[in-house]
Amino acid sequence: MNRPPSPSLAQRLQGLNVYLIGMMGAGKSAVGRPLAEALGYRFLDADDALEQVAGRTIPEIFATDGEAGFRELETAVLGQIAGWHSLVVATGGGVVTKPENWGHMRQGVVVWLDAPAPLLLQRLRADSTPRPLLQAGDPGARLGELLAQRQPLYAQADLRVQQAGDSPAQVAQQVLADLPAILKDPAAVPKAPVELRQADGQITPSLN
């Protein structure tokens, strides 16, 4: 039976955002929802927020602005998210490729949801979500290329959680079990912003 985290875990987080990173298919959104519920946090999918800001889907952004344009918008949206608190954020798979994004995520806790390539490919084949970066003759080979490029970057996370077909709830519980080992004492954690920014031009996603 799964146990909720102890009050001391929430105290030690003190509102710091938890950023989930990892390859597409790693289950960031699926894990993020039960993780947020267990922490008493809100959940935010950064890709959904980006589409809301742009008024276009991610494949449409790639088609008109290319990957460079998409990455620029992704960084801008992440910068706004970093001004909030008490969020579990599912990031895009390539968010780790820009140093500016690390500057935003380092204001919170970064958790790498690691999964082997065969499991990622299996999940992606079962998912109808368009993946612009996998539009290739051999998606498996393309996935391998992206993994080779990004794994050293993912490894800079505060916490790595390996999975091998576990359910999202099980992975969320593993994150909860491992978080205390990398958190500072409450007195050493800087206070998080108290209010969400709601100025014109900033994202106002529906946080579940």
N, C-alpha and C. Protein backbone atom coordinates (compact mmCIF):
# COMPACT_ATOMS: atom_id res chain seq x y z
N MET A 1 0.85 -1.19 0.00
CA MET A 1 0.00 0.00 0.00
C MET A 1 0.89 1.25 0.00
N ASN A 2 0.58 2.20 -0.90
CA ASN A 2 1.38 3.42 -0.99
C ASN A 2 1.10 4.35 0.18
N ARG A 3 2.15 4.95 0.68
CA ARG A 3 2.01 5.89 1.79
C ARG A 3 2.24 7.30 1.30
N PRO A 4 1.48 8.26 1.80
CA PRO A 4 1.75 9.65 1.44
C PRO A 4 3.06 10.09 2.06
N PRO A 5 3.72 11.10 1.48
CA PRO A 5 4.99 11.56 2.07
C PRO A 5 4.75 12.16 3.44
N SER A 6 5.76 12.09 4.27
CA SER A 6 5.64 12.65 5.60
C SER A 6 5.60 14.17 5.51
N PRO A 7 5.00 14.83 6.51
CA PRO A 7 4.97 16.30 6.49
C PRO A 7 6.35 16.92 6.37
N SER A 8 7.37 16.22 6.87
CA SER A 8 8.71 16.78 6.82
C SER A 8 9.20 16.95 5.38
N LEU A 9 8.74 16.11 4.45
CA LEU A 9 9.15 16.24 3.05
C LEU A 9 8.61 17.53 2.46
N ALA A 10 7.35 17.83 2.68
CA ALA A 10 6.77 19.09 2.20
C ALA A 10 7.47 20.27 2.85
N GLN A 11 7.81 20.14 4.13
CA GLN A 11 8.51 21.22 4.82
C GLN A 11 9.88 21.46 4.21
N ARG A 12 10.56 20.41 3.90
CA ARG A 12 11.91 20.54 3.35
C ARG A 12 11.88 21.09 1.92
N LEU A 13 10.84 20.79 1.17
CA LEU A 13 10.71 21.37 -0.17
C LEU A 13 10.40 22.86 -0.10
N GLN A 14 9.60 23.26 0.87
CA GLN A 14 9.25 24.67 1.08
C GLN A 14 8.80 25.37 -0.20
N GLY A 15 7.99 24.68 -0.99
CA GLY A 15 7.44 25.29 -2.19
C GLY A 15 8.32 25.23 -3.41
N LEU A 16 9.52 24.66 -3.30
CA LEU A 16 10.38 24.54 -4.47
C LEU A 16 9.69 23.71 -5.55
N ASN A 17 9.73 24.17 -6.79
CA ASN A 17 9.18 23.40 -7.88
C ASN A 17 9.99 22.13 -8.10
N VAL A 18 9.32 21.09 -8.56
CA VAL A 18 9.97 19.84 -8.93
C VAL A 18 9.85 19.70 -10.44
N TYR A 19 10.98 19.70 -11.13
CA TYR A 19 11.00 19.61 -12.59
C TYR A 19 11.35 18.18 -13.01
N LEU A 20 10.47 17.56 -13.76
CA LEU A 20 10.72 16.21 -14.28
C LEU A 20 11.30 16.32 -15.67
N ILE A 21 12.49 15.76 -15.87
CA ILE A 21 13.13 15.77 -17.17
C ILE A 21 13.30 14.33 -17.64
N GLY A 22 13.58 14.17 -18.93
CA GLY A 22 13.76 12.84 -19.48
C GLY A 22 13.29 12.80 -20.92
N MET A 23 13.61 11.73 -21.62
CA MET A 23 13.24 11.59 -23.01
C MET A 23 11.73 11.51 -23.19
N MET A 24 11.27 11.85 -24.40
CA MET A 24 9.87 11.60 -24.73
C MET A 24 9.58 10.12 -24.50
N GLY A 25 8.44 9.84 -23.87
CA GLY A 25 8.11 8.46 -23.54
C GLY A 25 8.56 8.04 -22.15
N ALA A 26 9.24 8.94 -21.44
CA ALA A 26 9.71 8.59 -20.09
C ALA A 26 8.60 8.63 -19.06
N GLY A 27 7.44 9.18 -19.43
CA GLY A 27 6.31 9.19 -18.50
C GLY A 27 6.26 10.39 -17.59
N LYS A 28 6.82 11.51 -18.02
CA LYS A 28 6.90 12.68 -17.15
C LYS A 28 5.52 13.20 -16.74
N SER A 29 4.61 13.29 -17.70
CA SER A 29 3.25 13.76 -17.37
C SER A 29 2.49 12.74 -16.54
N ALA A 30 2.62 11.47 -16.90
CA ALA A 30 1.91 10.41 -16.18
C ALA A 30 2.38 10.30 -14.74
N VAL A 31 3.68 10.47 -14.52
CA VAL A 31 4.24 10.40 -13.17
C VAL A 31 3.98 11.71 -12.42
N GLY A 32 4.00 12.81 -13.15
CA GLY A 32 3.86 14.12 -12.51
C GLY A 32 2.54 14.31 -11.80
N ARG A 33 1.47 13.77 -12.34
CA ARG A 33 0.16 13.98 -11.73
C ARG A 33 0.05 13.33 -10.35
N PRO A 34 0.34 12.02 -10.21
CA PRO A 34 0.27 11.44 -8.86
C PRO A 34 1.33 12.01 -7.91
N LEU A 35 2.47 12.42 -8.46
CA LEU A 35 3.51 13.01 -7.62
C LEU A 35 3.02 14.34 -7.04
N ALA A 36 2.41 15.16 -7.89
CA ALA A 36 1.89 16.44 -7.42
C ALA A 36 0.80 16.24 -6.38
N GLU A 37 -0.07 15.28 -6.61
CA GLU A 37 -1.15 15.02 -5.65
C GLU A 37 -0.59 14.60 -4.30
N ALA A 38 0.43 13.75 -4.32
CA ALA A 38 1.01 13.27 -3.07
C ALA A 38 1.71 14.39 -2.30
N LEU A 39 2.29 15.35 -3.04
CA LEU A 39 3.01 16.45 -2.39
C LEU A 39 2.10 17.60 -1.99
N GLY A 40 0.84 17.56 -2.44
CA GLY A 40 -0.03 18.71 -2.22
C GLY A 40 0.35 19.86 -3.14
N TYR A 41 0.98 19.55 -4.26
CA TYR A 41 1.39 20.52 -5.27
C TYR A 41 0.36 20.56 -6.40
N ARG A 42 0.56 21.48 -7.34
CA ARG A 42 -0.18 21.48 -8.58
C ARG A 42 0.70 20.92 -9.68
N PHE A 43 0.06 20.37 -10.71
CA PHE A 43 0.80 19.78 -11.83
C PHE A 43 0.69 20.69 -13.04
N LEU A 44 1.80 20.83 -13.77
CA LEU A 44 1.82 21.62 -14.99
C LEU A 44 2.64 20.91 -16.05
N ASP A 45 2.04 20.72 -17.21
CA ASP A 45 2.75 20.18 -18.37
C ASP A 45 3.29 21.37 -19.16
N ALA A 46 4.59 21.52 -19.22
CA ALA A 46 5.20 22.69 -19.86
C ALA A 46 4.87 22.76 -21.34
N ASP A 47 4.75 21.62 -22.01
CA ASP A 47 4.39 21.63 -23.43
C ASP A 47 2.98 22.15 -23.64
N ASP A 48 2.06 21.77 -22.76
CA ASP A 48 0.69 22.28 -22.85
C ASP A 48 0.66 23.79 -22.66
N ALA A 49 1.44 24.27 -21.68
CA ALA A 49 1.51 25.71 -21.43
C ALA A 49 2.09 26.44 -22.63
N LEU A 50 3.10 25.84 -23.26
CA LEU A 50 3.72 26.44 -24.43
C LEU A 50 2.72 26.56 -25.58
N GLU A 51 1.95 25.52 -25.80
CA GLU A 51 0.95 25.55 -26.87
C GLU A 51 -0.11 26.62 -26.59
N GLN A 52 -0.44 26.79 -25.31
CA GLN A 52 -1.42 27.81 -24.93
C GLN A 52 -0.89 29.20 -25.24
N VAL A 53 0.37 29.44 -24.91
CA VAL A 53 0.98 30.74 -25.17
C VAL A 53 1.06 31.01 -26.67
N ALA A 54 1.48 30.00 -27.43
CA ALA A 54 1.69 30.18 -28.87
C ALA A 54 0.38 30.20 -29.65
N GLY A 55 -0.66 29.58 -29.09
CA GLY A 55 -1.90 29.46 -29.83
C GLY A 55 -1.78 28.49 -30.99
N ARG A 56 -0.76 27.62 -30.92
CA ARG A 56 -0.51 26.62 -31.96
C ARG A 56 -0.02 25.34 -31.31
N THR A 57 -0.14 24.25 -32.03
CA THR A 57 0.39 22.99 -31.53
C THR A 57 1.90 22.95 -31.72
N ILE A 58 2.56 22.06 -31.01
CA ILE A 58 4.02 21.94 -31.15
C ILE A 58 4.41 21.54 -32.57
N PRO A 59 3.72 20.58 -33.23
CA PRO A 59 4.07 20.28 -34.63
C PRO A 59 3.92 21.50 -35.54
N GLU A 60 2.92 22.34 -35.29
CA GLU A 60 2.75 23.56 -36.09
C GLU A 60 3.90 24.53 -35.86
N ILE A 61 4.34 24.63 -34.60
CA ILE A 61 5.47 25.53 -34.29
C ILE A 61 6.73 25.04 -35.00
N PHE A 62 6.98 23.74 -34.96
CA PHE A 62 8.15 23.17 -35.64
C PHE A 62 8.06 23.43 -37.15
N ALA A 63 6.86 23.32 -37.71
CA ALA A 63 6.68 23.46 -39.16
C ALA A 63 6.94 24.89 -39.62
N THR A 64 6.57 25.88 -38.79
CA THR A 64 6.71 27.27 -39.21
C THR A 64 7.99 27.93 -38.70
N ASP A 65 8.41 27.59 -37.49
CA ASP A 65 9.55 28.26 -36.86
C ASP A 65 10.77 27.38 -36.71
N GLY A 66 10.64 26.09 -36.99
CA GLY A 66 11.76 25.17 -36.82
C GLY A 66 12.03 24.87 -35.36
N GLU A 67 13.00 24.00 -35.12
CA GLU A 67 13.32 23.65 -33.74
C GLU A 67 13.88 24.85 -32.98
N ALA A 68 14.65 25.69 -33.65
CA ALA A 68 15.25 26.85 -32.97
C ALA A 68 14.16 27.77 -32.42
N GLY A 69 13.11 28.02 -33.22
CA GLY A 69 12.02 28.86 -32.76
C GLY A 69 11.26 28.24 -31.62
N PHE A 70 11.08 26.92 -31.71
CA PHE A 70 10.41 26.22 -30.62
C PHE A 70 11.21 26.32 -29.33
N ARG A 71 12.52 26.12 -29.40
CA ARG A 71 13.36 26.16 -28.20
C ARG A 71 13.35 27.55 -27.57
N GLU A 72 13.31 28.59 -28.39
CA GLU A 72 13.28 29.95 -27.86
C GLU A 72 12.00 30.19 -27.06
N LEU A 73 10.89 29.72 -27.61
CA LEU A 73 9.61 29.87 -26.90
C LEU A 73 9.59 29.01 -25.65
N GLU A 74 10.16 27.82 -25.73
CA GLU A 74 10.20 26.93 -24.58
C GLU A 74 10.94 27.57 -23.41
N THR A 75 12.05 28.25 -23.70
CA THR A 75 12.83 28.91 -22.66
C THR A 75 12.05 30.06 -22.03
N ALA A 76 11.33 30.82 -22.87
CA ALA A 76 10.54 31.94 -22.36
C ALA A 76 9.44 31.45 -21.42
N VAL A 77 8.77 30.37 -21.81
CA VAL A 77 7.69 29.82 -20.98
C VAL A 77 8.26 29.27 -19.68
N LEU A 78 9.39 28.57 -19.76
CA LEU A 78 10.00 28.01 -18.55
C LEU A 78 10.42 29.12 -17.59
N GLY A 79 10.85 30.24 -18.13
CA GLY A 79 11.22 31.37 -17.28
C GLY A 79 10.04 31.88 -16.47
N GLN A 80 8.86 31.88 -17.08
CA GLN A 80 7.66 32.30 -16.35
C GLN A 80 7.29 31.26 -15.29
N ILE A 81 7.37 29.99 -15.65
CA ILE A 81 7.03 28.93 -14.70
C ILE A 81 7.95 29.00 -13.48
N ALA A 82 9.22 29.34 -13.70
CA ALA A 82 10.19 29.39 -12.60
C ALA A 82 9.84 30.47 -11.58
N GLY A 83 9.00 31.43 -11.96
CA GLY A 83 8.59 32.46 -11.02
C GLY A 83 7.45 32.01 -10.12
N TRP A 84 6.94 30.82 -10.34
CA TRP A 84 5.86 30.28 -9.53
C TRP A 84 6.44 29.34 -8.47
N HIS A 85 5.59 28.72 -7.69
CA HIS A 85 6.07 27.79 -6.67
C HIS A 85 5.07 26.66 -6.47
N SER A 86 5.52 25.64 -5.78
CA SER A 86 4.67 24.49 -5.42
C SER A 86 4.08 23.82 -6.65
N LEU A 87 4.92 23.61 -7.66
CA LEU A 87 4.50 22.93 -8.90
C LEU A 87 5.35 21.69 -9.14
N VAL A 88 4.73 20.67 -9.69
CA VAL A 88 5.46 19.58 -10.34
C VAL A 88 5.32 19.85 -11.83
N VAL A 89 6.45 20.02 -12.52
CA VAL A 89 6.46 20.43 -13.92
C VAL A 89 7.01 19.31 -14.79
N ALA A 90 6.20 18.85 -15.73
CA ALA A 90 6.66 17.90 -16.74
C ALA A 90 7.23 18.71 -17.90
N THR A 91 8.52 18.60 -18.14
CA THR A 91 9.17 19.39 -19.18
C THR A 91 9.23 18.61 -20.48
N GLY A 92 9.57 19.32 -21.57
CA GLY A 92 9.79 18.66 -22.84
C GLY A 92 11.11 17.92 -22.83
N GLY A 93 11.22 16.91 -23.70
CA GLY A 93 12.41 16.06 -23.68
C GLY A 93 13.70 16.79 -23.99
N GLY A 94 13.63 17.88 -24.78
CA GLY A 94 14.84 18.58 -25.16
C GLY A 94 15.14 19.82 -24.35
N VAL A 95 14.42 20.01 -23.25
CA VAL A 95 14.60 21.22 -22.45
C VAL A 95 16.03 21.33 -21.90
N VAL A 96 16.70 20.20 -21.77
CA VAL A 96 18.05 20.19 -21.18
C VAL A 96 19.12 20.70 -22.13
N THR A 97 18.77 20.93 -23.39
CA THR A 97 19.79 21.29 -24.38
C THR A 97 20.19 22.75 -24.33
N LYS A 98 19.47 23.58 -23.59
CA LYS A 98 19.81 25.01 -23.50
C LYS A 98 20.23 25.35 -22.07
N PRO A 99 21.42 25.93 -21.89
CA PRO A 99 21.89 26.28 -20.55
C PRO A 99 20.92 27.21 -19.80
N GLU A 100 20.24 28.10 -20.55
CA GLU A 100 19.30 29.02 -19.89
C GLU A 100 18.20 28.25 -19.15
N ASN A 101 17.79 27.14 -19.72
CA ASN A 101 16.74 26.35 -19.08
C ASN A 101 17.21 25.76 -17.76
N TRP A 102 18.46 25.36 -17.72
CA TRP A 102 19.01 24.85 -16.46
C TRP A 102 19.01 25.94 -15.39
N GLY A 103 19.28 27.18 -15.81
CA GLY A 103 19.25 28.28 -14.86
C GLY A 103 17.88 28.43 -14.23
N HIS A 104 16.82 28.23 -15.01
CA HIS A 104 15.46 28.29 -14.48
C HIS A 104 15.17 27.08 -13.57
N MET A 105 15.52 25.90 -14.05
CA MET A 105 15.16 24.68 -13.31
C MET A 105 15.96 24.53 -12.01
N ARG A 106 17.17 25.09 -12.00
CA ARG A 106 18.00 24.98 -10.79
C ARG A 106 17.42 25.77 -9.62
N GLN A 107 16.42 26.59 -9.89
CA GLN A 107 15.74 27.28 -8.78
C GLN A 107 14.86 26.30 -8.00
N GLY A 108 14.63 25.13 -8.56
CA GLY A 108 13.86 24.09 -7.88
C GLY A 108 14.67 22.81 -7.79
N VAL A 109 14.00 21.68 -7.89
CA VAL A 109 14.64 20.36 -7.84
C VAL A 109 14.41 19.68 -9.18
N VAL A 110 15.48 19.15 -9.77
CA VAL A 110 15.40 18.52 -11.09
C VAL A 110 15.51 17.01 -10.94
N VAL A 111 14.50 16.30 -11.45
CA VAL A 111 14.45 14.84 -11.33
C VAL A 111 14.45 14.23 -12.74
N TRP A 112 15.41 13.37 -12.99
CA TRP A 112 15.51 12.67 -14.29
C TRP A 112 14.77 11.35 -14.20
N LEU A 113 13.72 11.21 -15.01
CA LEU A 113 13.03 9.93 -15.14
C LEU A 113 13.70 9.17 -16.27
N ASP A 114 14.54 8.25 -15.91
CA ASP A 114 15.34 7.49 -16.87
C ASP A 114 14.61 6.21 -17.25
N ALA A 115 14.70 5.85 -18.52
CA ALA A 115 14.08 4.60 -18.99
C ALA A 115 14.91 4.08 -20.16
N PRO A 116 15.03 2.77 -20.31
CA PRO A 116 15.81 2.21 -21.42
C PRO A 116 15.14 2.48 -22.76
N ALA A 117 15.95 2.53 -23.81
CA ALA A 117 15.46 2.84 -25.15
C ALA A 117 14.31 1.93 -25.61
N PRO A 118 14.39 0.60 -25.40
CA PRO A 118 13.28 -0.25 -25.85
C PRO A 118 11.95 0.11 -25.20
N LEU A 119 11.98 0.47 -23.91
CA LEU A 119 10.74 0.85 -23.23
C LEU A 119 10.22 2.18 -23.78
N LEU A 120 11.12 3.12 -24.03
CA LEU A 120 10.71 4.41 -24.59
C LEU A 120 10.05 4.21 -25.95
N LEU A 121 10.68 3.40 -26.81
CA LEU A 121 10.15 3.18 -28.14
C LEU A 121 8.81 2.48 -28.10
N GLN A 122 8.67 1.54 -27.19
CA GLN A 122 7.39 0.83 -27.03
C GLN A 122 6.28 1.80 -26.66
N ARG A 123 6.56 2.68 -25.72
CA ARG A 123 5.56 3.66 -25.30
C ARG A 123 5.23 4.64 -26.42
N LEU A 124 6.24 5.09 -27.13
CA LEU A 124 6.03 6.07 -28.19
C LEU A 124 5.21 5.49 -29.33
N ARG A 125 5.42 4.22 -29.64
CA ARG A 125 4.65 3.57 -30.70
C ARG A 125 3.19 3.41 -30.32
N ALA A 126 2.92 3.32 -29.01
CA ALA A 126 1.55 3.18 -28.53
C ALA A 126 0.86 4.51 -28.31
N ASP A 127 1.60 5.61 -28.51
CA ASP A 127 1.09 6.96 -28.25
C ASP A 127 0.87 7.67 -29.59
N SER A 128 -0.32 8.20 -29.78
CA SER A 128 -0.64 8.87 -31.05
C SER A 128 -0.16 10.33 -31.10
N THR A 129 0.43 10.82 -30.01
CA THR A 129 0.90 12.21 -29.99
C THR A 129 1.98 12.44 -31.05
N PRO A 130 1.82 13.45 -31.92
CA PRO A 130 2.85 13.73 -32.93
C PRO A 130 4.18 14.11 -32.28
N ARG A 131 5.27 13.53 -32.77
CA ARG A 131 6.61 13.82 -32.24
C ARG A 131 7.48 14.31 -33.38
N PRO A 132 7.58 15.64 -33.58
CA PRO A 132 8.33 16.17 -34.73
C PRO A 132 9.75 15.64 -34.85
N LEU A 133 10.42 15.45 -33.72
CA LEU A 133 11.82 15.02 -33.78
C LEU A 133 11.97 13.54 -34.11
N LEU A 134 10.86 12.80 -34.15
CA LEU A 134 10.93 11.38 -34.51
C LEU A 134 10.39 11.12 -35.90
N GLN A 135 10.13 12.20 -36.67
CA GLN A 135 9.65 12.04 -38.03
C GLN A 135 10.83 11.63 -38.91
N ALA A 136 11.16 10.34 -38.85
CA ALA A 136 12.31 9.83 -39.59
C ALA A 136 11.98 8.45 -40.13
N GLY A 137 12.76 8.01 -41.11
CA GLY A 137 12.53 6.70 -41.68
C GLY A 137 12.68 5.59 -40.65
N ASP A 138 13.59 5.78 -39.71
CA ASP A 138 13.82 4.79 -38.66
C ASP A 138 13.71 5.49 -37.31
N PRO A 139 12.50 5.57 -36.74
CA PRO A 139 12.32 6.25 -35.45
C PRO A 139 13.20 5.68 -34.34
N GLY A 140 13.43 4.37 -34.36
CA GLY A 140 14.26 3.77 -33.33
C GLY A 140 15.69 4.28 -33.37
N ALA A 141 16.24 4.39 -34.59
CA ALA A 141 17.60 4.91 -34.73
C ALA A 141 17.67 6.38 -34.33
N ARG A 142 16.63 7.13 -34.71
CA ARG A 142 16.60 8.56 -34.34
C ARG A 142 16.50 8.72 -32.83
N LEU A 143 15.70 7.88 -32.19
CA LEU A 143 15.60 7.93 -30.74
C LEU A 143 16.95 7.64 -30.10
N GLY A 144 17.67 6.67 -30.64
CA GLY A 144 18.99 6.35 -30.12
C GLY A 144 19.95 7.52 -30.23
N GLU A 145 19.88 8.25 -31.36
CA GLU A 145 20.73 9.42 -31.54
C GLU A 145 20.43 10.49 -30.50
N LEU A 146 19.13 10.75 -30.29
CA LEU A 146 18.74 11.76 -29.32
C LEU A 146 19.16 11.36 -27.90
N LEU A 147 19.02 10.09 -27.59
CA LEU A 147 19.42 9.61 -26.27
C LEU A 147 20.92 9.81 -26.05
N ALA A 148 21.71 9.48 -27.06
CA ALA A 148 23.16 9.63 -26.94
C ALA A 148 23.54 11.08 -26.71
N GLN A 149 22.82 12.01 -27.36
CA GLN A 149 23.11 13.43 -27.21
C GLN A 149 22.68 13.95 -25.84
N ARG A 150 21.56 13.45 -25.35
CA ARG A 150 20.95 14.07 -24.18
C ARG A 150 21.28 13.39 -22.85
N GLN A 151 21.65 12.14 -22.86
CA GLN A 151 21.89 11.46 -21.58
C GLN A 151 22.92 12.17 -20.71
N PRO A 152 24.04 12.67 -21.26
CA PRO A 152 24.97 13.40 -20.39
C PRO A 152 24.35 14.66 -19.79
N LEU A 153 23.39 15.25 -20.48
CA LEU A 153 22.72 16.43 -19.96
C LEU A 153 21.70 16.05 -18.88
N TYR A 154 20.93 14.99 -19.14
CA TYR A 154 19.99 14.51 -18.13
C TYR A 154 20.72 14.15 -16.83
N ALA A 155 21.95 13.65 -16.98
CA ALA A 155 22.72 13.20 -15.81
C ALA A 155 23.08 14.34 -14.87
N GLN A 156 22.86 15.60 -15.28
CA GLN A 156 23.13 16.73 -14.41
C GLN A 156 21.98 16.99 -13.42
N ALA A 157 20.93 16.17 -13.50
CA ALA A 157 19.79 16.34 -12.60
C ALA A 157 20.20 16.11 -11.15
N ASP A 158 19.40 16.64 -10.23
CA ASP A 158 19.65 16.43 -8.80
C ASP A 158 19.38 14.98 -8.41
N LEU A 159 18.43 14.36 -9.10
CA LEU A 159 18.00 13.02 -8.74
C LEU A 159 17.70 12.23 -10.01
N ARG A 160 18.17 10.99 -10.06
CA ARG A 160 17.89 10.10 -11.19
C ARG A 160 17.05 8.93 -10.69
N VAL A 161 15.92 8.70 -11.35
CA VAL A 161 15.04 7.59 -10.99
C VAL A 161 14.93 6.68 -12.21
N GLN A 162 15.45 5.48 -12.09
CA GLN A 162 15.41 4.53 -13.19
C GLN A 162 14.13 3.71 -13.12
N GLN A 163 13.59 3.40 -14.29
CA GLN A 163 12.36 2.64 -14.35
C GLN A 163 12.47 1.54 -15.40
N ALA A 164 11.68 0.50 -15.20
CA ALA A 164 11.70 -0.63 -16.13
C ALA A 164 10.28 -1.17 -16.29
N GLY A 165 9.38 -0.29 -16.73
CA GLY A 165 8.01 -0.72 -16.93
C GLY A 165 7.12 -0.55 -15.73
N ASP A 166 7.59 0.15 -14.70
CA ASP A 166 6.78 0.39 -13.51
C ASP A 166 5.61 1.30 -13.86
N SER A 167 4.54 1.22 -13.08
CA SER A 167 3.39 2.10 -13.30
C SER A 167 3.76 3.52 -12.90
N PRO A 168 3.06 4.53 -13.43
CA PRO A 168 3.34 5.91 -13.03
C PRO A 168 3.25 6.12 -11.53
N ALA A 169 2.28 5.48 -10.88
CA ALA A 169 2.14 5.63 -9.43
C ALA A 169 3.35 5.06 -8.70
N GLN A 170 3.87 3.94 -9.20
CA GLN A 170 5.05 3.34 -8.57
C GLN A 170 6.28 4.23 -8.74
N VAL A 171 6.43 4.82 -9.92
CA VAL A 171 7.56 5.70 -10.15
C VAL A 171 7.44 6.95 -9.28
N ALA A 172 6.22 7.47 -9.15
CA ALA A 172 6.00 8.64 -8.28
C ALA A 172 6.40 8.31 -6.85
N GLN A 173 6.05 7.12 -6.39
CA GLN A 173 6.43 6.72 -5.03
C GLN A 173 7.94 6.60 -4.88
N GLN A 174 8.62 6.17 -5.94
CA GLN A 174 10.07 6.07 -5.89
C GLN A 174 10.70 7.46 -5.80
N VAL A 175 10.13 8.42 -6.53
CA VAL A 175 10.61 9.79 -6.45
C VAL A 175 10.45 10.32 -5.02
N LEU A 176 9.28 10.07 -4.43
CA LEU A 176 9.02 10.52 -3.06
C LEU A 176 10.00 9.89 -2.08
N ALA A 177 10.33 8.63 -2.30
CA ALA A 177 11.25 7.93 -1.40
C ALA A 177 12.67 8.46 -1.52
N ASP A 178 13.05 8.90 -2.74
CA ASP A 178 14.43 9.32 -2.98
C ASP A 178 14.67 10.81 -2.75
N LEU A 179 13.62 11.61 -2.78
CA LEU A 179 13.79 13.06 -2.65
C LEU A 179 14.50 13.49 -1.36
N PRO A 180 14.16 12.93 -0.20
CA PRO A 180 14.79 13.43 1.03
C PRO A 180 16.30 13.40 1.01
N ALA A 181 16.89 12.45 0.28
CA ALA A 181 18.35 12.32 0.28
C ALA A 181 19.05 13.49 -0.39
N ILE A 182 18.34 14.24 -1.24
CA ILE A 182 19.01 15.32 -1.97
C ILE A 182 18.52 16.70 -1.54
N LEU A 183 17.64 16.76 -0.54
CA LEU A 183 17.12 18.04 -0.08
C LEU A 183 17.95 18.57 1.08
N LYS A 184 18.08 19.88 1.13
CA LYS A 184 18.77 20.52 2.24
C LYS A 184 17.83 20.61 3.44
N ASP A 185 18.41 20.93 4.58
CA ASP A 185 17.59 21.15 5.76
C ASP A 185 16.70 22.37 5.52
N PRO A 186 15.51 22.40 6.13
CA PRO A 186 14.59 23.52 5.90
C PRO A 186 15.20 24.89 6.09
N ALA A 187 16.07 25.05 7.07
CA ALA A 187 16.66 26.35 7.35
C ALA A 187 17.57 26.82 6.23
N ALA A 188 18.08 25.86 5.44
CA ALA A 188 19.02 26.20 4.38
C ALA A 188 18.35 26.43 3.04
N VAL A 189 17.05 26.15 2.95
CA VAL A 189 16.33 26.29 1.68
C VAL A 189 15.80 27.70 1.56
N PRO A 190 16.09 28.41 0.46
CA PRO A 190 15.58 29.78 0.31
C PRO A 190 14.06 29.78 0.21
N LYS A 191 13.47 30.86 0.69
CA LYS A 191 12.01 30.95 0.64
C LYS A 191 11.56 31.09 -0.81
N ALA A 192 10.46 30.39 -1.14
CA ALA A 192 9.90 30.46 -2.49
C ALA A 192 9.03 31.69 -2.61
N PRO A 193 8.81 32.17 -3.85
CA PRO A 193 7.90 33.30 -4.04
C PRO A 193 6.52 32.97 -3.47
N VAL A 194 5.88 33.96 -2.92
CA VAL A 194 4.60 33.74 -2.26
C VAL A 194 3.44 33.79 -3.24
N GLU A 195 3.51 34.69 -4.21
CA GLU A 195 2.37 34.90 -5.11
C GLU A 195 2.73 34.47 -6.53
N LEU A 196 1.74 33.97 -7.26
CA LEU A 196 1.91 33.70 -8.68
C LEU A 196 1.83 35.02 -9.43
N ARG A 197 2.66 35.15 -10.45
CA ARG A 197 2.61 36.36 -11.27
C ARG A 197 1.46 36.25 -12.25
N GLN A 198 0.68 37.30 -12.36
CA GLN A 198 -0.49 37.25 -13.22
C GLN A 198 -0.56 38.47 -14.14
N ALA A 199 0.61 39.02 -14.48
CA ALA A 199 0.63 40.21 -15.32
C ALA A 199 0.24 39.85 -16.75
N ASP A 200 -0.15 40.87 -17.53
CA ASP A 200 -0.52 40.64 -18.92
C ASP A 200 0.69 40.07 -19.67
N GLY A 201 0.41 39.16 -20.59
CA GLY A 201 1.46 38.58 -21.40
C GLY A 201 2.09 37.36 -20.79
N GLN A 202 1.70 36.98 -19.59
CA GLN A 202 2.26 35.78 -18.97
C GLN A 202 1.25 34.65 -19.07
N ILE A 203 1.75 33.44 -18.96
CA ILE A 203 0.87 32.29 -19.10
C ILE A 203 -0.03 32.17 -17.89
N THR A 204 -1.23 31.74 -18.13
CA THR A 204 -2.17 31.49 -17.04
C THR A 204 -2.84 30.14 -17.28
N PRO A 205 -2.04 29.06 -17.28
CA PRO A 205 -2.61 27.74 -17.57
C PRO A 205 -3.51 27.27 -16.43
N SER A 206 -4.37 26.34 -16.76
CA SER A 206 -5.20 25.70 -15.75
C SER A 206 -4.38 24.64 -15.09
N LEU A 207 -4.09 24.81 -13.80
CA LEU A 207 -3.25 23.89 -13.06
C LEU A 207 -4.10 22.88 -12.33
N ASN A 208 -3.93 21.61 -12.69
CA ASN A 208 -4.75 20.55 -12.10
C ASN A 208 -4.16 20.05 -10.81
